Structures are given as structure tokens and as C-alpha cells.
Amino acid sequence: MRRSILILVLAVVLIGGGFLMITLLTSGPQGALPVRIQTDNPEASTVMATPTQALAFVVFALIVFGSLAGGGVVLSLIFRFLDREITRNRQE
């Protein structure tokens, strides 16, 4: 019960933060939450990405997730073989 309430509160906070971020990004200088636009250059923007930047991000994200998944597989194999050896030695 307590864990589900914590997860629910965390989800509500994250969704609220997302709505606040969308409001900030779309409001512009005259919006409800004024934001100062520093540059229109997409190379220097924190909101827009050039195709090269987007491709670099996707490649980097794929490498990171692939490394995490590969590390998880390697660790699971190591623990599986160790567990098998432990059970074999306990039976002897």
C-alpha cells in the first residue's frame, strides 16, 4: 500500500513537471511564465536540435542502453553459473 502511494505521488510529480516544462517551452516571452529567448540559432538552442545533434543523441543512447543490457546479461550468466556450482557442491 505504502509503495503504491509512493509510486503514484512520484508519477504525479513527474507529470506535473512535464506540464510545467511544456508550458515554459511553448509560452515564449509573453506567456504566463515568461522565458527569455537567448538565441534563435538551433546549434546553441536547448529546445531544438539539428539533425546531426539528434543522430548523435540517438547513437549515444543506443550505445548506453546496449551496454546496460549487455552488462545485465553478463552478470546474470555469471550468477547463474555460480549458483549452479554452489548447488552442485552442496549436494556432494
Protein backbone atom coordinates (compact mmCIF):
# COMPACT_ATOMS: atom_id res chain seq x y z
CA MET A 1 0.00 0.00 0.00
CA ARG A 2 2.72 2.43 1.00
CA ARG A 3 4.81 1.59 -2.05
CA SER A 4 1.90 2.15 -4.43
CA ILE A 5 1.18 5.55 -2.87
CA LEU A 6 4.85 6.49 -3.26
CA ILE A 7 4.81 5.44 -6.91
CA LEU A 8 1.58 7.35 -7.51
CA VAL A 9 2.95 10.52 -5.89
CA LEU A 10 6.16 10.19 -7.90
CA ALA A 11 4.18 9.78 -11.15
CA VAL A 12 2.05 12.86 -10.35
CA VAL A 13 5.16 14.94 -9.62
CA LEU A 14 6.82 13.82 -12.86
CA ILE A 15 3.69 14.52 -14.92
CA GLY A 16 3.36 17.95 -13.28
CA GLY A 17 6.99 18.70 -14.08
CA GLY A 18 6.38 17.69 -17.69
CA PHE A 19 3.41 20.03 -17.98
CA LEU A 20 5.44 22.85 -16.43
CA MET A 21 8.26 22.23 -18.91
CA ILE A 22 5.85 22.22 -21.86
CA THR A 23 4.30 25.46 -20.60
CA LEU A 24 7.73 27.07 -20.30
CA LEU A 25 8.83 25.94 -23.75
CA THR A 26 5.68 26.97 -25.60
CA SER A 27 4.82 30.19 -23.77
CA GLY A 28 7.64 32.34 -25.11
CA PRO A 29 8.49 35.78 -23.74
CA GLN A 30 4.83 36.95 -23.42
CA GLY A 31 3.44 33.76 -21.88
CA ALA A 32 2.15 33.03 -18.39
CA LEU A 33 5.66 32.06 -17.35
CA PRO A 34 7.93 34.45 -19.25
CA VAL A 35 11.13 32.99 -20.62
CA ARG A 36 13.92 35.00 -22.15
CA ILE A 37 14.88 33.65 -25.56
CA GLN A 38 18.66 33.91 -25.76
CA THR A 39 19.25 32.72 -29.31
CA ASP A 40 17.45 31.57 -32.44
CA ASN A 41 20.43 29.54 -33.58
CA PRO A 42 19.47 25.84 -33.47
CA GLU A 43 23.10 24.87 -32.82
CA ALA A 44 23.02 26.73 -29.50
CA SER A 45 19.40 26.05 -28.52
CA THR A 46 18.42 23.83 -25.60
CA VAL A 47 15.00 23.20 -27.16
CA MET A 48 15.73 22.48 -30.82
CA ALA A 49 18.26 20.04 -32.23
CA THR A 50 19.86 19.90 -35.62
CA PRO A 51 19.69 16.57 -37.49
CA THR A 52 23.33 15.90 -36.67
CA GLN A 53 22.78 16.51 -32.96
CA ALA A 54 19.68 14.32 -32.97
CA LEU A 55 21.53 11.49 -34.71
CA ALA A 56 24.43 11.76 -32.25
CA PHE A 57 22.00 11.60 -29.33
CA VAL A 58 20.21 8.53 -30.72
CA VAL A 59 23.51 6.73 -31.37
CA PHE A 60 24.78 7.60 -27.89
CA ALA A 61 21.51 6.45 -26.28
CA LEU A 62 21.61 3.15 -28.20
CA ILE A 63 25.21 2.55 -27.10
CA VAL A 64 24.35 3.28 -23.47
CA PHE A 65 21.26 1.06 -23.43
CA GLY A 66 23.11 -1.70 -25.28
CA SER A 67 25.92 -1.55 -22.75
CA LEU A 68 23.45 -1.73 -19.86
CA ALA A 69 21.63 -4.68 -21.38
CA GLY A 70 24.91 -6.44 -22.20
CA GLY A 71 26.20 -5.90 -18.69
CA GLY A 72 22.97 -7.29 -17.27
CA VAL A 73 23.22 -10.39 -19.44
CA VAL A 74 26.84 -10.98 -18.45
CA LEU A 75 26.06 -10.56 -14.74
CA SER A 76 23.05 -12.87 -14.97
CA LEU A 77 25.17 -15.55 -16.66
CA ILE A 78 27.89 -15.21 -14.02
CA PHE A 79 25.41 -15.52 -11.16
CA ARG A 80 23.61 -18.42 -12.84
CA PHE A 81 26.84 -20.39 -13.23
CA LEU A 82 27.92 -19.55 -9.68
CA ASP A 83 24.54 -20.64 -8.33
CA ARG A 84 24.75 -23.88 -10.30
CA GLU A 85 28.21 -24.62 -8.88
CA ILE A 86 27.08 -23.82 -5.33
CA THR A 87 24.09 -26.16 -5.56
CA ARG A 88 26.27 -28.88 -7.09
CA ASN A 89 28.84 -28.57 -4.27
CA ARG A 90 26.14 -28.58 -1.58
CA GLN A 91 24.70 -31.83 -2.94
CA GLU A 92 28.10 -33.55 -2.77
